[in-house]
Amino acid sequence: MDEKDTELIEKAKAGDTASFELLVKKYQEKIYGLAHYVCAGLRSEADDVYQETFISAFKNISKFKGNAAFGTWLYRIAANNCWMKFRKKKAEKLVSIEDLRELGDMAHPDEFAKKELSDSVAKALSKLSVDFRLAITLADLQGLSMEEAAKVLKITVPAFKTRLFRARAALKKDF
C-alpha cells in the first residue's frame, strides 16, 4: 500500500478529518466514475452511491485492516452500495429534472459530445446486470487489474475473467 495512504489512514483512524479529506480527494473521481457507470448514468443515483461510500468509509475507517489497498476497500464499499440501490429499485427507470436541465444547459459542443458519449456508454451498460456492469466498470473504465477487481467483488480471478468475458459479449450483442 502507498506510504502516504498508510499515514493518512492512521491519522484518520485517530480522528483527523483533514487526513480523511485528503483520501477522499485522491479517490473521489474513481469512486464517482464507478457509481456513474454502474448506476446507468442517473446522476442522482450516482451522487447517492458516491456520498454513501465516503460516509460509510468515514464511519468504518477504524475497521480498515490494510489487507488490501485502500482504493480496493473503497471500491468494495461502492460496489455494495450499488447492489443495495439496485435491490431497492430493480426495474425502475427514472430521470431527474436535474438531469434534464443539465442537458439543456450544455453551452459548448465539445461538452455536449462528451456528455452524449458518456450517456451512450451508460445506456448500453444499463441493459446489463449489476454484476456485469461492475465487471466492465472496474476493468475497462477504471483500469483495475484482474486481481484487484476480483478482490473488490470478492470472487476468484478466473471467476472475474469469466464474468468480464460474458459482460463484454453481452455488451457487444446490443451493438
Protein backbone atom coordinates (compact mmCIF):
# COMPACT_ATOMS: atom_id res chain seq x y z
CA MET A 1 0.00 0.00 0.00
CA ASP A 2 1.06 3.58 -0.69
CA GLU A 3 3.05 5.02 2.26
CA LYS A 4 1.20 8.31 2.07
CA ASP A 5 -2.14 6.47 2.18
CA THR A 6 -0.96 4.48 5.21
CA GLU A 7 -0.03 7.67 7.05
CA LEU A 8 -3.34 9.38 6.15
CA ILE A 9 -5.34 6.31 7.16
CA GLU A 10 -3.65 6.12 10.55
CA LYS A 11 -4.32 9.81 11.16
CA ALA A 12 -7.94 9.40 10.02
CA LYS A 13 -8.36 6.45 12.40
CA ALA A 14 -7.17 8.78 15.18
CA GLY A 15 -9.93 11.26 14.26
CA ASP A 16 -8.05 13.62 11.93
CA THR A 17 -10.77 14.67 9.47
CA ALA A 18 -8.31 16.66 7.32
CA SER A 19 -6.43 13.43 6.56
CA PHE A 20 -9.67 11.70 5.60
CA GLU A 21 -10.50 14.63 3.30
CA LEU A 22 -7.17 14.13 1.53
CA LEU A 23 -8.05 10.46 0.99
CA VAL A 24 -11.45 11.49 -0.39
CA LYS A 25 -9.79 13.93 -2.81
CA LYS A 26 -7.42 11.22 -4.00
CA TYR A 27 -10.16 8.65 -4.72
CA GLN A 28 -13.26 10.76 -5.44
CA GLU A 29 -13.05 10.65 -9.24
CA LYS A 30 -12.58 6.89 -9.36
CA ILE A 31 -15.46 6.24 -6.95
CA TYR A 32 -17.77 8.67 -8.75
CA GLY A 33 -16.82 7.08 -12.09
CA LEU A 34 -17.75 3.66 -10.77
CA ALA A 35 -21.03 4.96 -9.36
CA HIS A 36 -21.86 6.82 -12.58
CA TYR A 37 -21.45 3.82 -14.86
CA VAL A 38 -22.96 1.23 -12.55
CA CYS A 39 -25.95 3.47 -11.81
CA ALA A 40 -26.56 3.66 -15.56
CA GLY A 41 -25.86 7.36 -15.87
CA LEU A 42 -28.53 8.56 -13.44
CA ARG A 43 -26.79 11.43 -11.75
CA SER A 44 -28.89 11.41 -8.59
CA GLU A 45 -28.25 7.68 -8.07
CA ALA A 46 -24.52 8.08 -8.71
CA ASP A 47 -24.39 11.02 -6.29
CA ASP A 48 -26.11 8.92 -3.62
CA VAL A 49 -23.73 5.98 -4.05
CA TYR A 50 -20.73 8.32 -4.04
CA GLN A 51 -21.82 10.06 -0.84
CA GLU A 52 -22.87 6.85 0.90
CA THR A 53 -19.49 5.29 0.07
CA PHE A 54 -17.46 8.04 1.72
CA ILE A 55 -19.84 8.34 4.68
CA SER A 56 -19.55 4.60 5.24
CA ALA A 57 -15.76 4.73 4.83
CA PHE A 58 -15.53 7.56 7.36
CA LYS A 59 -17.70 5.72 9.89
CA ASN A 60 -15.78 2.47 9.42
CA ILE A 61 -12.19 3.68 8.90
CA SER A 62 -11.22 2.09 12.21
CA LYS A 63 -12.19 -1.32 10.75
CA PHE A 64 -9.83 -0.94 7.78
CA LYS A 65 -7.09 -3.52 8.38
CA GLY A 66 -4.88 -2.83 5.37
CA ASN A 67 -5.12 -6.37 3.94
CA ALA A 68 -6.00 -4.78 0.60
CA ALA A 69 -5.27 -1.35 -0.83
CA PHE A 70 -7.41 1.49 0.48
CA GLY A 71 -8.78 2.06 -3.04
CA THR A 72 -9.87 -1.59 -3.24
CA TRP A 73 -11.65 -1.21 0.11
CA LEU A 74 -13.45 1.89 -1.18
CA TYR A 75 -14.43 0.12 -4.41
CA ARG A 76 -15.89 -2.70 -2.35
CA ILE A 77 -17.99 -0.26 -0.30
CA ALA A 78 -19.15 1.47 -3.51
CA ALA A 79 -19.99 -1.88 -5.13
CA ASN A 80 -22.06 -2.88 -2.09
CA ASN A 81 -23.87 0.47 -2.20
CA CYS A 82 -24.64 -0.07 -5.90
CA TRP A 83 -26.03 -3.53 -5.22
CA MET A 84 -28.21 -2.22 -2.38
CA LYS A 85 -29.52 0.57 -4.59
CA PHE A 86 -30.46 -1.85 -7.35
CA ARG A 87 -32.13 -4.29 -4.99
CA LYS A 88 -34.41 -1.46 -3.89
CA LYS A 89 -35.17 -0.18 -7.39
CA LYS A 90 -34.94 -3.27 -9.56
CA ALA A 91 -36.52 -2.26 -12.85
CA GLU A 92 -37.45 1.32 -12.07
CA LYS A 93 -36.11 3.78 -14.64
CA LEU A 94 -36.27 7.40 -13.50
CA VAL A 95 -34.74 10.56 -14.92
CA SER A 96 -34.48 13.50 -12.59
CA ILE A 97 -35.43 17.06 -13.52
CA GLU A 98 -31.80 17.95 -12.70
CA ASP A 99 -30.55 15.58 -15.37
CA LEU A 100 -32.94 17.01 -17.99
CA ARG A 101 -31.99 20.58 -17.06
CA GLU A 102 -28.31 19.68 -17.32
CA LEU A 103 -28.78 18.52 -20.91
CA GLY A 104 -30.45 21.80 -21.82
CA ASP A 105 -27.74 23.89 -20.17
CA MET A 106 -24.86 22.49 -22.22
CA ALA A 107 -23.32 25.54 -23.86
CA HIS A 108 -20.23 24.07 -25.55
CA PRO A 109 -20.49 21.49 -28.35
CA ASP A 110 -17.47 19.53 -27.05
CA GLU A 111 -19.08 19.24 -23.61
CA PHE A 112 -22.29 18.08 -25.26
CA ALA A 113 -20.39 15.46 -27.29
CA LYS A 114 -18.65 14.19 -24.13
CA LYS A 115 -21.98 14.04 -22.29
CA GLU A 116 -23.59 12.26 -25.24
CA LEU A 117 -20.81 9.65 -25.36
CA SER A 118 -20.95 9.17 -21.61
CA ASP A 119 -24.73 8.78 -21.80
CA SER A 120 -24.39 6.25 -24.64
CA VAL A 121 -21.97 4.16 -22.59
CA ALA A 122 -24.23 4.43 -19.53
CA LYS A 123 -27.28 3.46 -21.62
CA ALA A 124 -25.51 0.40 -23.03
CA LEU A 125 -24.33 -0.60 -19.55
CA SER A 126 -27.82 -0.12 -18.11
CA LYS A 127 -29.01 -3.08 -20.17
CA LEU A 128 -26.59 -5.37 -18.32
CA SER A 129 -26.98 -6.89 -14.87
CA VAL A 130 -25.33 -5.07 -11.97
CA ASP A 131 -22.68 -7.82 -11.75
CA PHE A 132 -21.76 -7.36 -15.42
CA ARG A 133 -21.79 -3.54 -15.10
CA LEU A 134 -19.42 -3.73 -12.15
CA ALA A 135 -17.05 -6.06 -14.01
CA ILE A 136 -16.85 -3.78 -17.08
CA THR A 137 -16.60 -0.63 -14.99
CA LEU A 138 -13.82 -1.94 -12.75
CA ALA A 139 -11.73 -3.49 -15.53
CA ASP A 140 -12.38 -1.38 -18.61
CA LEU A 141 -13.41 2.02 -17.29
CA GLN A 142 -11.48 2.22 -14.01
CA GLY A 143 -8.48 0.22 -15.21
CA LEU A 144 -8.17 -2.13 -12.24
CA SER A 145 -6.13 -5.27 -12.72
CA MET A 146 -7.95 -8.60 -12.80
CA GLU A 147 -6.64 -9.35 -9.31
CA GLU A 148 -7.80 -6.02 -7.85
CA ALA A 149 -11.22 -6.24 -9.48
CA ALA A 150 -11.69 -9.82 -8.25
CA LYS A 151 -10.77 -8.68 -4.73
CA VAL A 152 -13.32 -5.87 -4.89
CA LEU A 153 -16.04 -8.30 -5.91
CA LYS A 154 -14.81 -11.00 -3.51
CA ILE A 155 -14.54 -13.62 -6.24
CA THR A 156 -11.62 -15.56 -7.70
CA VAL A 157 -9.61 -14.18 -10.62
CA PRO A 158 -10.86 -16.93 -13.01
CA ALA A 159 -14.46 -16.18 -11.94
CA PHE A 160 -13.87 -12.47 -12.60
CA LYS A 161 -12.36 -13.18 -16.02
CA THR A 162 -15.39 -15.30 -16.92
CA ARG A 163 -17.78 -12.61 -15.70
CA LEU A 164 -15.91 -9.93 -17.66
CA PHE A 165 -15.89 -12.06 -20.81
CA ARG A 166 -19.65 -12.64 -20.54
CA ALA A 167 -20.30 -8.97 -19.78
CA ARG A 168 -18.32 -7.85 -22.83
CA ALA A 169 -20.11 -10.42 -25.01
CA ALA A 170 -23.50 -9.19 -23.78
CA LEU A 171 -22.46 -5.59 -24.44
CA LYS A 172 -21.31 -6.42 -27.99
CA LYS A 173 -24.59 -8.23 -28.69
CA ASP A 174 -26.51 -4.97 -28.13
CA PHE A 175 -24.40 -3.09 -30.69
